[in-house]
Amino acid sequence: MHRGRLTGITLKGEDLIAADQLAEQISFDQAREARLVAEEVSDRIRAKFGPGAIRPATTLLRVS
């Protein structure tokens, strides 16, 4: 099974406003962004394969 990796993101800004009018600054914290991406991917996997598709590896049976 081949796993794909996220190697880049492209952003496009439209209708931008001045920085002093911004109420909240967006964080590009890598750890937070990684958690958000993992959460979105997990949701998509569960939607496609069911709620038991993702679980701790220690709960799986070992097959030799």
PDB file of N, CA and C in Angstrom:
ATOM      1  N   MET A   1       0.844  -1.181   0.000  1.00  0.00           N
ATOM      2  CA  MET A   1       0.000   0.000   0.000  1.00  0.00           C
ATOM      3  C   MET A   1       0.889   1.243   0.000  1.00  0.00           C
ATOM      4  N   HIS A   2       0.662   2.125  -0.893  1.00  0.00           N
ATOM      5  CA  HIS A   2       1.458   3.346  -1.009  1.00  0.00           C
ATOM      6  C   HIS A   2       0.726   4.491  -0.330  1.00  0.00           C
ATOM      7  N   ARG A   3       1.438   5.198   0.515  1.00  0.00           N
ATOM      8  CA  ARG A   3       0.836   6.343   1.209  1.00  0.00           C
ATOM      9  C   ARG A   3       1.280   7.640   0.551  1.00  0.00           C
ATOM     10  N   GLY A   4       0.333   8.524   0.332  1.00  0.00           N
ATOM     11  CA  GLY A   4       0.657   9.833  -0.205  1.00  0.00           C
ATOM     12  C   GLY A   4       1.046  10.785   0.907  1.00  0.00           C
ATOM     13  N   ARG A   5       1.873  11.741   0.603  1.00  0.00           N
ATOM     14  CA  ARG A   5       2.285  12.740   1.580  1.00  0.00           C
ATOM     15  C   ARG A   5       1.923  14.123   1.092  1.00  0.00           C
ATOM     16  N   LEU A   6       1.510  14.940   2.023  1.00  0.00           N
ATOM     17  CA  LEU A   6       1.247  16.336   1.719  1.00  0.00           C
ATOM     18  C   LEU A   6       2.595  17.028   1.604  1.00  0.00           C
ATOM     19  N   THR A   7       2.908  17.539   0.428  1.00  0.00           N
ATOM     20  CA  THR A   7       4.213  18.150   0.222  1.00  0.00           C
ATOM     21  C   THR A   7       4.147  19.658   0.033  1.00  0.00           C
ATOM     22  N   GLY A   8       2.952  20.194  -0.093  1.00  0.00           N
ATOM     23  CA  GLY A   8       2.846  21.635  -0.247  1.00  0.00           C
ATOM     24  C   GLY A   8       1.411  22.108  -0.189  1.00  0.00           C
ATOM     25  N   ILE A   9       1.274  23.385   0.103  1.00  0.00           N
ATOM     26  CA  ILE A   9      -0.041  24.020   0.155  1.00  0.00           C
ATOM     27  C   ILE A   9       0.062  25.339  -0.589  1.00  0.00           C
ATOM     28  N   THR A  10      -0.933  25.640  -1.380  1.00  0.00           N
ATOM     29  CA  THR A  10      -0.986  26.914  -2.085  1.00  0.00           C
ATOM     30  C   THR A  10      -2.115  27.745  -1.500  1.00  0.00           C
ATOM     31  N   LEU A  11      -1.820  28.990  -1.193  1.00  0.00           N
ATOM     32  CA  LEU A  11      -2.823  29.904  -0.655  1.00  0.00           C
ATOM     33  C   LEU A  11      -3.056  31.035  -1.646  1.00  0.00           C
ATOM     34  N   LYS A  12      -4.290  31.481  -1.727  1.00  0.00           N
ATOM     35  CA  LYS A  12      -4.636  32.612  -2.581  1.00  0.00           C
ATOM     36  C   LYS A  12      -5.434  33.590  -1.737  1.00  0.00           C
ATOM     37  N   GLY A  13      -4.993  34.813  -1.664  1.00  0.00           N
ATOM     38  CA  GLY A  13      -5.700  35.825  -0.879  1.00  0.00           C
ATOM     39  C   GLY A  13      -6.524  36.742  -1.764  1.00  0.00           C
ATOM     40  N   GLU A  14      -7.786  36.922  -1.386  1.00  0.00           N
ATOM     41  CA  GLU A  14      -8.675  37.830  -2.106  1.00  0.00           C
ATOM     42  C   GLU A  14      -9.392  38.707  -1.096  1.00  0.00           C
ATOM     43  N   ASP A  15      -9.736  39.902  -1.496  1.00  0.00           N
ATOM     44  CA  ASP A  15     -10.452  40.848  -0.642  1.00  0.00           C
ATOM     45  C   ASP A  15      -9.763  41.021   0.710  1.00  0.00           C
ATOM     46  N   LEU A  16      -8.451  41.209   0.675  1.00  0.00           N
ATOM     47  CA  LEU A  16      -7.674  41.360   1.902  1.00  0.00           C
ATOM     48  C   LEU A  16      -7.939  42.721   2.537  1.00  0.00           C
ATOM     49  N   ILE A  17      -7.769  42.788   3.858  1.00  0.00           N
ATOM     50  CA  ILE A  17      -7.946  44.044   4.591  1.00  0.00           C
ATOM     51  C   ILE A  17      -6.636  44.409   5.266  1.00  0.00           C
ATOM     52  N   ALA A  18      -6.547  45.637   5.723  1.00  0.00           N
ATOM     53  CA  ALA A  18      -5.341  46.105   6.404  1.00  0.00           C
ATOM     54  C   ALA A  18      -5.145  45.345   7.713  1.00  0.00           C
ATOM     55  N   ALA A  19      -3.893  45.143   8.102  1.00  0.00           N
ATOM     56  CA  ALA A  19      -3.576  44.370   9.308  1.00  0.00           C
ATOM     57  C   ALA A  19      -4.180  44.982  10.562  1.00  0.00           C
ATOM     58  N   ASP A  20      -4.286  46.318  10.625  1.00  0.00           N
ATOM     59  CA  ASP A  20      -4.831  46.949  11.831  1.00  0.00           C
ATOM     60  C   ASP A  20      -6.347  46.760  11.955  1.00  0.00           C
ATOM     61  N   GLN A  21      -7.000  46.253  10.927  1.00  0.00           N
ATOM     62  CA  GLN A  21      -8.439  45.985  10.977  1.00  0.00           C
ATOM     63  C   GLN A  21      -8.743  44.522  11.312  1.00  0.00           C
ATOM     64  N   LEU A  22      -7.712  43.741  11.488  1.00  0.00           N
ATOM     65  CA  LEU A  22      -7.868  42.315  11.745  1.00  0.00           C
ATOM     66  C   LEU A  22      -8.135  42.057  13.216  1.00  0.00           C
ATOM     67  N   ALA A  23      -9.180  41.297  13.524  1.00  0.00           N
ATOM     68  CA  ALA A  23      -9.551  41.006  14.911  1.00  0.00           C
ATOM     69  C   ALA A  23      -8.742  39.849  15.482  1.00  0.00           C
ATOM     70  N   GLU A  24      -8.314  38.909  14.656  1.00  0.00           N
ATOM     71  CA  GLU A  24      -7.586  37.737  15.123  1.00  0.00           C
ATOM     72  C   GLU A  24      -6.501  37.399  14.119  1.00  0.00           C
ATOM     73  N   GLN A  25      -5.307  37.129  14.620  1.00  0.00           N
ATOM     74  CA  GLN A  25      -4.211  36.762  13.737  1.00  0.00           C
ATOM     75  C   GLN A  25      -4.200  35.251  13.553  1.00  0.00           C
ATOM     76  N   ILE A  26      -4.067  34.819  12.325  1.00  0.00           N
ATOM     77  CA  ILE A  26      -4.021  33.392  12.026  1.00  0.00           C
ATOM     78  C   ILE A  26      -2.643  32.857  12.389  1.00  0.00           C
ATOM     79  N   SER A  27      -2.619  31.719  13.058  1.00  0.00           N
ATOM     80  CA  SER A  27      -1.363  31.085  13.452  1.00  0.00           C
ATOM     81  C   SER A  27      -0.975  30.032  12.424  1.00  0.00           C
ATOM     82  N   PHE A  28       0.278  30.018  12.082  1.00  0.00           N
ATOM     83  CA  PHE A  28       0.789  28.974  11.207  1.00  0.00           C
ATOM     84  C   PHE A  28       1.659  28.009  12.003  1.00  0.00           C
ATOM     85  N   ASP A  29       1.271  27.805  13.262  1.00  0.00           N
ATOM     86  CA  ASP A  29       1.950  26.866  14.142  1.00  0.00           C
ATOM     87  C   ASP A  29       1.913  25.483  13.499  1.00  0.00           C
ATOM     88  N   GLN A  30       3.071  24.907  13.241  1.00  0.00           N
ATOM     89  CA  GLN A  30       3.131  23.639  12.517  1.00  0.00           C
ATOM     90  C   GLN A  30       2.460  22.502  13.271  1.00  0.00           C
ATOM     91  N   ALA A  31       2.614  22.441  14.578  1.00  0.00           N
ATOM     92  CA  ALA A  31       1.999  21.359  15.358  1.00  0.00           C
ATOM     93  C   ALA A  31       0.478  21.459  15.282  1.00  0.00           C
ATOM     94  N   ARG A  32      -0.043  22.664  15.408  1.00  0.00           N
ATOM     95  CA  ARG A  32      -1.498  22.859  15.344  1.00  0.00           C
ATOM     96  C   ARG A  32      -2.021  22.507  13.960  1.00  0.00           C
ATOM     97  N   GLU A  33      -1.326  22.966  12.941  1.00  0.00           N
ATOM     98  CA  GLU A  33      -1.747  22.682  11.573  1.00  0.00           C
ATOM     99  C   GLU A  33      -1.707  21.181  11.295  1.00  0.00           C
ATOM    100  N   ALA A  34      -0.696  20.497  11.799  1.00  0.00           N
ATOM    101  CA  ALA A  34      -0.596  19.045  11.606  1.00  0.00           C
ATOM    102  C   ALA A  34      -1.773  18.332  12.266  1.00  0.00           C
ATOM    103  N   ARG A  35      -2.162  18.783  13.461  1.00  0.00           N
ATOM    104  CA  ARG A  35      -3.317  18.179  14.140  1.00  0.00           C
ATOM    105  C   ARG A  35      -4.596  18.399  13.346  1.00  0.00           C
ATOM    106  N   LEU A  36      -4.757  19.595  12.791  1.00  0.00           N
ATOM    107  CA  LEU A  36      -5.957  19.888  12.007  1.00  0.00           C
ATOM    108  C   LEU A  36      -6.025  19.030  10.747  1.00  0.00           C
ATOM    109  N   VAL A  37      -4.891  18.859  10.084  1.00  0.00           N
ATOM    110  CA  VAL A  37      -4.848  18.017   8.885  1.00  0.00           C
ATOM    111  C   VAL A  37      -5.146  16.571   9.262  1.00  0.00           C
ATOM    112  N   ALA A  38      -4.536  16.087  10.340  1.00  0.00           N
ATOM    113  CA  ALA A  38      -4.775  14.712  10.787  1.00  0.00           C
ATOM    114  C   ALA A  38      -6.241  14.501  11.147  1.00  0.00           C
ATOM    115  N   GLU A  39      -6.845  15.485  11.787  1.00  0.00           N
ATOM    116  CA  GLU A  39      -8.261  15.377  12.158  1.00  0.00           C
ATOM    117  C   GLU A  39      -9.151  15.300  10.915  1.00  0.00           C
ATOM    118  N   GLU A  40      -8.864  16.129   9.931  1.00  0.00           N
ATOM    119  CA  GLU A  40      -9.658  16.122   8.700  1.00  0.00           C
ATOM    120  C   GLU A  40      -9.519  14.790   7.964  1.00  0.00           C
ATOM    121  N   VAL A  41      -8.289  14.286   7.878  1.00  0.00           N
ATOM    122  CA  VAL A  41      -8.054  13.006   7.208  1.00  0.00           C
ATOM    123  C   VAL A  41      -8.743  11.878   7.961  1.00  0.00           C
ATOM    124  N   SER A  42      -8.660  11.901   9.289  1.00  0.00           N
ATOM    125  CA  SER A  42      -9.329  10.882  10.112  1.00  0.00           C
ATOM    126  C   SER A  42     -10.831  10.895   9.874  1.00  0.00           C
ATOM    127  N   ASP A  43     -11.413  12.071   9.805  1.00  0.00           N
ATOM    128  CA  ASP A  43     -12.852  12.187   9.550  1.00  0.00           C
ATOM    129  C   ASP A  43     -13.222  11.585   8.196  1.00  0.00           C
ATOM    130  N   ARG A  44     -12.404  11.843   7.185  1.00  0.00           N
ATOM    131  CA  ARG A  44     -12.679  11.313   5.854  1.00  0.00           C
ATOM    132  C   ARG A  44     -12.552   9.788   5.823  1.00  0.00           C
ATOM    133  N   ILE A  45     -11.555   9.256   6.525  1.00  0.00           N
ATOM    134  CA  ILE A  45     -11.381   7.801   6.579  1.00  0.00           C
ATOM    135  C   ILE A  45     -12.564   7.156   7.283  1.00  0.00           C
ATOM    136  N   ARG A  46     -12.982   7.728   8.413  1.00  0.00           N
ATOM    137  CA  ARG A  46     -14.123   7.173   9.149  1.00  0.00           C
ATOM    138  C   ARG A  46     -15.410   7.256   8.332  1.00  0.00           C
ATOM    139  N   ALA A  47     -15.570   8.331   7.578  1.00  0.00           N
ATOM    140  CA  ALA A  47     -16.764   8.473   6.742  1.00  0.00           C
ATOM    141  C   ALA A  47     -16.788   7.411   5.645  1.00  0.00           C
ATOM    142  N   LYS A  48     -15.624   7.076   5.124  1.00  0.00           N
ATOM    143  CA  LYS A  48     -15.549   6.116   4.027  1.00  0.00           C
ATOM    144  C   LYS A  48     -15.587   4.663   4.510  1.00  0.00           C
ATOM    145  N   PHE A  49     -14.873   4.360   5.616  1.00  0.00           N
ATOM    146  CA  PHE A  49     -14.706   2.975   6.044  1.00  0.00           C
ATOM    147  C   PHE A  49     -15.423   2.619   7.342  1.00  0.00           C
ATOM    148  N   GLY A  50     -16.050   3.593   7.986  1.00  0.00           N
ATOM    149  CA  GLY A  50     -16.784   3.315   9.220  1.00  0.00           C
ATOM    150  C   GLY A  50     -16.035   3.764  10.464  1.00  0.00           C
ATOM    151  N   PRO A  51     -16.747   3.835  11.589  1.00  0.00           N
ATOM    152  CA  PRO A  51     -16.174   4.384  12.819  1.00  0.00           C
ATOM    153  C   PRO A  51     -15.033   3.558  13.409  1.00  0.00           C
ATOM    154  N   GLY A  52     -14.940   2.273  13.078  1.00  0.00           N
ATOM    155  CA  GLY A  52     -13.868   1.438  13.620  1.00  0.00           C
ATOM    156  C   GLY A  52     -12.620   1.410  12.762  1.00  0.00           C
ATOM    157  N   ALA A  53     -12.572   2.216  11.715  1.00  0.00           N
ATOM    158  CA  ALA A  53     -11.442   2.188  10.786  1.00  0.00           C
ATOM    159  C   ALA A  53     -10.148   2.692  11.409  1.00  0.00           C
ATOM    160  N   ILE A  54     -10.250   3.598  12.360  1.00  0.00           N
ATOM    161  CA  ILE A  54      -9.059   4.152  13.005  1.00  0.00           C
ATOM    162  C   ILE A  54      -9.163   3.866  14.493  1.00  0.00           C
ATOM    163  N   ARG A  55      -8.133   3.206  15.006  1.00  0.00           N
ATOM    164  CA  ARG A  55      -8.090   2.906  16.437  1.00  0.00           C
ATOM    165  C   ARG A  55      -6.646   2.636  16.817  1.00  0.00           C
ATOM    166  N   PRO A  56      -6.350   2.592  18.119  1.00  0.00           N
ATOM    167  CA  PRO A  56      -4.970   2.342  18.549  1.00  0.00           C
ATOM    168  C   PRO A  56      -4.456   0.993  18.033  1.00  0.00           C
ATOM    169  N   ALA A  57      -3.218   0.956  17.598  1.00  0.00           N
ATOM    170  CA  ALA A  57      -2.638  -0.272  17.058  1.00  0.00           C
ATOM    171  C   ALA A  57      -2.612  -1.388  18.094  1.00  0.00           C
ATOM    172  N   THR A  58      -2.527  -1.045  19.362  1.00  0.00           N
ATOM    173  CA  THR A  58      -2.474  -2.066  20.409  1.00  0.00           C
ATOM    174  C   THR A  58      -3.772  -2.849  20.528  1.00  0.00           C
ATOM    175  N   THR A  59      -4.860  -2.342  19.952  1.00  0.00           N
ATOM    176  CA  THR A  59      -6.138  -3.054  20.019  1.00  0.00           C
ATOM    177  C   THR A  59      -6.321  -4.030  18.863  1.00  0.00           C
ATOM    178  N   LEU A  60      -5.389  -4.040  17.929  1.00  0.00           N
ATOM    179  CA  LEU A  60      -5.497  -4.921  16.767  1.00  0.00           C
ATOM    180  C   LEU A  60      -4.845  -6.268  17.051  1.00  0.00           C
ATOM    181  N   LEU A  61      -5.344  -7.310  16.418  1.00  0.00           N
ATOM    182  CA  LEU A  61      -4.758  -8.640  16.552  1.00  0.00           C
ATOM    183  C   LEU A  61      -3.538  -8.748  15.656  1.00  0.00           C
ATOM    184  N   ARG A  62      -2.510  -9.430  16.149  1.00  0.00           N
ATOM    185  CA  ARG A  62      -1.303  -9.625  15.353  1.00  0.00           C
ATOM    186  C   ARG A  62      -1.498 -10.833  14.446  1.00  0.00           C
ATOM    187  N   VAL A  63      -1.237 -10.661  13.158  1.00  0.00           N
ATOM    188  CA  VAL A  63      -1.359 -11.739  12.184  1.00  0.00           C
ATOM    189  C   VAL A  63       0.029 -12.052  11.660  1.00  0.00           C
ATOM    190  N   SER A  64       0.430 -13.298  11.759  1.00  0.00           N
ATOM    191  CA  SER A  64       1.773 -13.699  11.296  1.00  0.00           C
ATOM    192  C   SER A  64       1.708 -14.311   9.927  1.00  0.00           C
TER     193      SER A  64
END
